[in-house]
N, C-alpha and C. Protein backbone atom coordinates (compact mmCIF):
# COMPACT_ATOMS: atom_id res chain seq x y z
N UNK A 1 -52.06 27.72 15.60
CA UNK A 1 -51.04 28.80 15.81
C UNK A 1 -50.00 28.81 17.11
N UNK A 2 -48.96 28.84 16.67
CA UNK A 2 -47.94 29.06 17.67
C UNK A 2 -47.70 30.11 18.20
N UNK A 3 -47.16 30.01 19.95
CA UNK A 3 -47.07 31.14 20.49
C UNK A 3 -45.97 32.06 20.00
N UNK A 4 -45.77 33.13 19.78
CA UNK A 4 -44.91 33.93 19.46
C UNK A 4 -45.07 35.18 20.21
N UNK A 5 -43.68 35.77 20.41
CA UNK A 5 -43.65 37.15 21.08
C UNK A 5 -42.26 37.82 20.57
N UNK A 6 -42.76 38.72 19.64
CA UNK A 6 -41.73 39.70 19.13
C UNK A 6 -41.56 40.82 19.87
N UNK A 7 -39.94 41.19 20.11
CA UNK A 7 -39.99 42.59 20.86
C UNK A 7 -39.09 43.55 19.82
N UNK A 8 -39.60 44.87 20.15
CA UNK A 8 -38.81 45.72 19.27
C UNK A 8 -38.75 46.81 20.09
N UNK A 9 -37.20 47.39 20.19
CA UNK A 9 -37.12 48.90 20.82
C UNK A 9 -37.49 49.88 19.97
N UNK A 10 -38.37 50.70 20.84
CA UNK A 10 -38.75 51.89 20.02
C UNK A 10 -38.05 53.11 21.10
N UNK A 11 -38.58 54.24 20.46
CA UNK A 11 -37.81 55.44 21.18
C UNK A 11 -39.07 55.61 22.47
N UNK A 12 -38.26 55.23 23.76
CA UNK A 12 -38.98 55.49 25.04
C UNK A 12 -40.02 54.28 25.33
N UNK A 13 -40.02 53.06 24.70
CA UNK A 13 -40.70 52.10 25.07
C UNK A 13 -40.65 50.93 24.08
N UNK A 14 -40.73 49.80 24.81
CA UNK A 14 -40.71 48.12 24.11
C UNK A 14 -42.40 48.04 23.21
N UNK A 15 -42.07 47.38 22.12
CA UNK A 15 -43.21 47.03 21.38
C UNK A 15 -43.23 45.52 21.13
N UNK A 16 -44.29 44.94 21.90
CA UNK A 16 -44.60 43.53 21.77
C UNK A 16 -45.41 43.14 21.02
N UNK A 17 -45.06 42.09 20.19
CA UNK A 17 -46.34 41.74 19.06
C UNK A 17 -46.38 40.20 19.51
N UNK A 18 -47.67 39.84 20.50
CA UNK A 18 -48.08 38.66 20.59
C UNK A 18 -48.80 37.90 19.68
N UNK A 19 -48.59 36.50 19.34
CA UNK A 19 -49.50 35.67 18.51
C UNK A 19 -49.58 34.28 19.28
N UNK A 20 -50.93 33.75 19.39
CA UNK A 20 -50.99 32.38 19.95
C UNK A 20 -52.49 32.20 20.02
N UNK A 21 -52.71 31.06 21.10
CA UNK A 21 -54.21 30.67 21.10
C UNK A 21 -54.25 31.14 22.51
N UNK A 22 -55.46 31.69 22.87
CA UNK A 22 -55.88 32.52 23.98
C UNK A 22 -56.32 31.51 25.00
N UNK A 23 -55.68 31.65 26.06
CA UNK A 23 -56.28 30.87 27.40
C UNK A 23 -55.88 31.71 28.66
N UNK A 24 -56.27 31.52 29.89
CA UNK A 24 -55.85 32.29 30.95
C UNK A 24 -54.25 32.04 31.05
N UNK A 25 -53.87 30.71 31.09
CA UNK A 25 -52.64 30.47 31.39
C UNK A 25 -51.54 31.12 30.02
N UNK A 26 -51.90 31.05 28.97
CA UNK A 26 -51.33 31.82 27.91
C UNK A 26 -51.29 33.26 28.37
N UNK A 27 -52.27 33.94 28.73
CA UNK A 27 -52.36 35.28 28.78
C UNK A 27 -51.25 35.71 30.14
N UNK A 28 -51.48 35.34 31.03
CA UNK A 28 -50.57 35.45 32.30
C UNK A 28 -49.01 35.18 31.96
N UNK A 29 -48.74 33.81 30.92
CA UNK A 29 -47.44 33.64 30.89
C UNK A 29 -46.94 34.58 30.12
N UNK A 30 -47.75 35.41 28.98
CA UNK A 30 -47.16 36.44 27.93
C UNK A 30 -47.15 37.76 29.07
N UNK A 31 -47.96 38.00 29.79
CA UNK A 31 -47.78 39.13 30.65
C UNK A 31 -46.57 39.19 31.24
N UNK A 32 -46.38 37.79 31.90
CA UNK A 32 -45.12 37.65 32.86
C UNK A 32 -43.63 38.07 31.87
N UNK A 33 -43.76 37.33 30.56
CA UNK A 33 -42.78 37.45 29.77
C UNK A 33 -42.26 38.90 29.26
N UNK A 34 -43.46 39.59 28.95
CA UNK A 34 -43.24 40.90 28.77
C UNK A 34 -42.64 41.93 29.90
N UNK A 35 -43.44 41.65 31.11
CA UNK A 35 -42.94 42.58 32.05
C UNK A 35 -41.61 42.04 32.22
N UNK A 36 -41.22 40.91 32.54
CA UNK A 36 -39.50 40.39 32.92
C UNK A 36 -38.77 41.10 31.53
N UNK A 37 -38.92 40.99 30.42
CA UNK A 37 -38.04 41.44 29.31
C UNK A 37 -37.79 42.89 29.47
N UNK A 38 -39.21 43.58 29.59
CA UNK A 38 -38.97 45.04 29.90
C UNK A 38 -38.21 45.38 31.18
N UNK A 39 -38.40 44.79 32.21
CA UNK A 39 -37.37 45.31 33.30
C UNK A 39 -36.02 44.69 32.98
N UNK A 40 -35.62 43.81 32.55
CA UNK A 40 -34.47 43.31 32.16
C UNK A 40 -33.95 44.55 31.02
N UNK A 41 -34.58 44.92 30.42
CA UNK A 41 -34.11 45.77 29.38
C UNK A 41 -34.14 47.50 29.86
N UNK A 42 -34.68 47.50 30.92
CA UNK A 42 -34.84 48.70 31.91
C UNK A 42 -35.96 49.79 31.23
N UNK A 43 -36.94 49.53 30.64
CA UNK A 43 -37.84 49.85 29.98
C UNK A 43 -39.15 49.92 30.97
N UNK A 44 -39.83 50.96 31.01
CA UNK A 44 -41.01 51.10 31.92
C UNK A 44 -42.59 51.12 30.90
N UNK A 45 -42.19 51.70 29.87
CA UNK A 45 -43.17 52.07 28.88
C UNK A 45 -43.34 50.84 27.57
N UNK A 46 -44.45 50.27 27.89
CA UNK A 46 -44.82 49.09 26.72
C UNK A 46 -46.03 49.18 25.84
N UNK A 47 -45.55 48.65 24.74
CA UNK A 47 -46.83 48.67 23.94
C UNK A 47 -46.92 47.32 23.27
N UNK A 48 -48.39 46.52 23.55
CA UNK A 48 -48.45 45.13 23.43
C UNK A 48 -49.40 44.97 22.09
N UNK A 49 -49.08 44.48 21.17
CA UNK A 49 -50.11 44.62 20.03
C UNK A 49 -50.34 42.75 20.00
N UNK A 50 -51.77 42.73 20.50
CA UNK A 50 -51.91 41.05 20.31
C UNK A 50 -52.47 40.75 19.40
N UNK A 51 -52.34 39.44 18.66
CA UNK A 51 -52.99 38.87 17.44
C UNK A 51 -53.36 37.55 17.80
N UNK A 52 -54.28 37.19 18.72
CA UNK A 52 -54.72 35.68 19.19
C UNK A 52 -55.86 34.98 18.62
N UNK A 53 -55.88 33.69 18.47
CA UNK A 53 -56.98 33.02 18.24
C UNK A 53 -57.90 32.38 19.77
N UNK A 54 -59.09 32.68 19.64
CA UNK A 54 -59.83 32.40 20.69
C UNK A 54 -60.20 33.49 21.66
N UNK A 55 -60.53 33.48 22.64
CA UNK A 55 -61.20 34.62 23.62
C UNK A 55 -61.58 33.98 25.15
N UNK A 56 -60.95 34.80 26.12
CA UNK A 56 -60.92 34.58 27.34
C UNK A 56 -62.74 34.57 27.86
N UNK A 57 -62.89 33.61 28.70
CA UNK A 57 -64.23 33.88 29.32
C UNK A 57 -64.53 35.12 30.26
N UNK A 58 -65.52 35.51 30.77
CA UNK A 58 -65.63 36.56 31.66
C UNK A 58 -64.69 36.34 32.84
N UNK A 59 -64.99 35.08 33.39
CA UNK A 59 -64.07 34.58 34.70
C UNK A 59 -62.81 34.75 34.50
N UNK A 60 -62.08 34.25 33.45
CA UNK A 60 -60.76 34.37 33.07
C UNK A 60 -60.27 35.52 33.07
N UNK A 61 -61.26 36.61 32.50
CA UNK A 61 -60.71 38.01 32.17
C UNK A 61 -60.61 38.38 33.54
N UNK A 62 -61.68 38.28 34.32
CA UNK A 62 -61.57 38.77 35.76
C UNK A 62 -60.31 38.21 36.44
N UNK A 63 -59.86 37.13 36.43
CA UNK A 63 -58.94 36.44 37.10
C UNK A 63 -57.72 37.12 36.57
N UNK A 64 -57.88 37.36 35.29
CA UNK A 64 -56.35 37.92 34.43
C UNK A 64 -56.36 39.63 35.19
N UNK A 65 -57.20 39.91 35.28
CA UNK A 65 -57.22 41.37 35.72
C UNK A 65 -56.88 41.69 36.90
N UNK A 66 -57.45 40.82 37.75
CA UNK A 66 -57.01 40.77 39.25
C UNK A 66 -55.14 40.45 39.17
N UNK A 67 -54.57 39.80 38.41
CA UNK A 67 -53.25 39.53 38.39
C UNK A 67 -52.29 40.59 37.96
N UNK A 68 -53.01 41.29 36.81
CA UNK A 68 -52.08 42.25 36.28
C UNK A 68 -51.43 43.12 37.23
N UNK A 69 -52.09 43.80 38.05
CA UNK A 69 -51.42 45.04 38.88
C UNK A 69 -49.96 44.09 39.61
N UNK A 70 -50.01 43.02 39.81
CA UNK A 70 -48.85 42.72 40.32
C UNK A 70 -47.72 42.45 39.45
N UNK A 71 -48.41 41.44 38.36
CA UNK A 71 -47.33 41.25 37.25
C UNK A 71 -46.78 42.32 36.50
N UNK A 72 -47.40 43.47 36.50
CA UNK A 72 -47.18 44.79 35.72
C UNK A 72 -46.92 45.93 36.68
N UNK A 73 -46.32 45.88 37.87
CA UNK A 73 -45.97 46.77 38.82
C UNK A 73 -44.98 47.57 38.33
N UNK A 74 -45.18 48.94 38.39
CA UNK A 74 -44.22 50.05 38.06
C UNK A 74 -44.23 50.14 36.48
N UNK A 75 -45.09 49.58 35.59
CA UNK A 75 -44.99 49.62 34.39
C UNK A 75 -46.10 50.31 33.61
N UNK A 76 -46.08 50.93 32.58
CA UNK A 76 -46.86 51.74 31.90
C UNK A 76 -47.42 50.85 30.65
N UNK A 77 -48.81 50.42 30.50
CA UNK A 77 -48.95 49.22 29.30
C UNK A 77 -49.99 49.82 28.17
N UNK A 78 -49.70 50.07 27.06
CA UNK A 78 -50.66 50.49 26.41
C UNK A 78 -50.74 49.05 25.27
N UNK A 79 -52.27 49.00 25.29
CA UNK A 79 -52.44 47.55 24.78
C UNK A 79 -53.54 47.58 23.36
N UNK A 80 -52.98 46.88 22.61
CA UNK A 80 -54.03 46.87 21.19
C UNK A 80 -54.23 45.60 20.89
N UNK A 81 -55.53 45.37 20.76
CA UNK A 81 -56.00 43.84 20.22
C UNK A 81 -56.54 44.03 18.81
N UNK A 82 -55.74 43.19 17.75
CA UNK A 82 -56.14 43.53 16.57
C UNK A 82 -57.64 42.87 16.04
N UNK A 83 -58.26 42.41 17.06
CA UNK A 83 -59.47 41.84 16.90
C UNK A 83 -60.52 42.40 18.02
N UNK A 84 -61.26 43.21 16.98
CA UNK A 84 -62.41 44.16 17.76
C UNK A 84 -63.51 43.42 18.29
N UNK A 85 -63.49 42.33 18.15
CA UNK A 85 -64.80 41.23 18.47
C UNK A 85 -64.24 40.89 20.08
N UNK A 86 -62.94 41.60 20.39
CA UNK A 86 -62.63 41.15 21.97
C UNK A 86 -62.84 42.49 22.95
N UNK A 87 -63.44 43.27 22.16
CA UNK A 87 -63.13 44.71 22.73
C UNK A 87 -64.24 44.61 24.29
N UNK A 88 -65.25 43.88 24.40
CA UNK A 88 -66.15 44.24 25.48
C UNK A 88 -65.46 43.64 26.62
N UNK A 89 -64.63 42.18 26.41
CA UNK A 89 -64.01 41.56 27.15
C UNK A 89 -62.61 42.30 27.98
N UNK A 90 -62.22 42.99 26.63
CA UNK A 90 -60.98 43.59 27.17
C UNK A 90 -61.24 44.65 27.90
N UNK A 91 -61.98 45.51 27.49
CA UNK A 91 -62.64 46.63 28.48
C UNK A 91 -62.94 46.32 30.01
N UNK A 92 -63.49 45.12 30.04
CA UNK A 92 -63.83 44.49 31.34
C UNK A 92 -62.60 44.36 32.23
N UNK A 93 -61.91 43.57 31.62
CA UNK A 93 -60.59 43.09 31.97
C UNK A 93 -59.66 44.51 32.41
N UNK A 94 -59.73 45.48 31.45
CA UNK A 94 -59.14 46.81 31.89
C UNK A 94 -59.61 47.20 33.18
N UNK A 95 -60.71 47.38 33.23
CA UNK A 95 -61.40 47.97 34.39
C UNK A 95 -60.92 47.53 35.64
N UNK A 96 -61.24 45.89 35.67
CA UNK A 96 -60.57 45.03 36.93
C UNK A 96 -59.18 45.24 37.25
N UNK A 97 -58.19 45.69 36.28
CA UNK A 97 -56.92 45.51 36.44
C UNK A 97 -56.61 47.39 36.90
N UNK A 98 -57.10 48.27 36.24
CA UNK A 98 -57.04 49.72 36.86
C UNK A 98 -57.50 49.84 37.97
N UNK A 99 -58.61 49.39 38.30
CA UNK A 99 -59.24 49.68 39.83
C UNK A 99 -58.45 48.81 40.68
N UNK A 100 -57.52 48.14 40.80
CA UNK A 100 -56.53 47.52 41.48
C UNK A 100 -55.16 48.36 41.06
N UNK A 101 -55.25 49.35 40.59
CA UNK A 101 -53.66 50.02 40.52
C UNK A 101 -52.63 49.69 39.56
N UNK A 102 -53.16 49.22 38.34
CA UNK A 102 -52.53 48.83 37.25
C UNK A 102 -52.69 50.21 36.36
N UNK A 103 -51.40 50.62 35.66
CA UNK A 103 -51.35 51.70 34.62
C UNK A 103 -51.61 51.13 33.50
N UNK A 104 -52.71 50.58 32.91
CA UNK A 104 -52.90 50.37 31.75
C UNK A 104 -54.11 50.76 31.07
N UNK A 105 -53.95 50.67 29.55
CA UNK A 105 -55.28 51.25 28.55
C UNK A 105 -55.18 50.80 27.60
N UNK A 106 -56.50 50.50 27.04
CA UNK A 106 -56.70 49.98 25.76
C UNK A 106 -56.92 51.04 24.64
N UNK A 107 -56.39 50.46 23.43
CA UNK A 107 -56.46 51.27 22.29
C UNK A 107 -56.84 50.50 20.97
N UNK A 108 -57.47 51.03 20.12
CA UNK A 108 -57.92 50.34 18.89
C UNK A 108 -56.73 50.64 18.04
N UNK A 109 -55.63 51.35 18.01
CA UNK A 109 -54.91 51.44 17.22
C UNK A 109 -53.28 51.73 17.86
N UNK A 110 -52.23 51.36 16.83
CA UNK A 110 -50.97 51.69 17.45
C UNK A 110 -50.54 53.41 17.69
N UNK A 111 -51.10 54.10 16.85
CA UNK A 111 -50.52 55.59 16.96
C UNK A 111 -51.29 56.10 18.09
N UNK A 112 -52.61 55.81 18.49
CA UNK A 112 -52.91 56.44 19.61
C UNK A 112 -52.38 55.76 20.93
N UNK A 113 -51.99 54.74 20.88
CA UNK A 113 -51.42 53.97 21.97
C UNK A 113 -49.91 54.61 22.15
N UNK A 114 -49.19 54.90 21.11
CA UNK A 114 -47.86 55.44 21.27
C UNK A 114 -47.98 56.69 21.59
N UNK A 115 -49.09 57.66 21.37
CA UNK A 115 -49.21 59.06 21.87
C UNK A 115 -49.47 58.96 23.35
N UNK A 116 -50.31 58.08 23.79
CA UNK A 116 -50.46 57.97 25.32
C UNK A 116 -49.20 57.46 25.91
N UNK A 117 -48.61 56.91 25.52
CA UNK A 117 -47.19 56.24 26.23
C UNK A 117 -46.22 56.98 26.01
N UNK A 118 -46.18 58.25 25.05
CA UNK A 118 -44.97 59.34 25.10
C UNK A 118 -45.78 60.31 25.88
N UNK A 119 -46.79 60.52 26.33
CA UNK A 119 -47.48 61.62 27.08
C UNK A 119 -48.00 62.64 26.26
N UNK A 120 -48.29 62.46 24.98
CA UNK A 120 -48.65 63.46 24.30
C UNK A 120 -50.47 63.66 24.02
């Protein structure tokens, strides 16, 4: 599966649809690309919908969670992983990132994520 990041401007936020093969390098690069594009367009609210093959190890998820607060500084990120098999690892990574100051929330679907981004 090729890496793709599709971007759509929505009312009050940017929506990113990310596809590819999961690895720590892939994840860091994607978050950097998302953050850079959001800042360039002047958006601070972000919805990421991820559809990837594979899964990060616990140690890689910890490493990613430690990096996210710096990468996503000043951004509010709602994250939807379309594979529910990733839930446990994603929750761990979210905890690591949020405990270090990241404004990041996991969701199981886009409508809930949109409500959170829009403050409803």
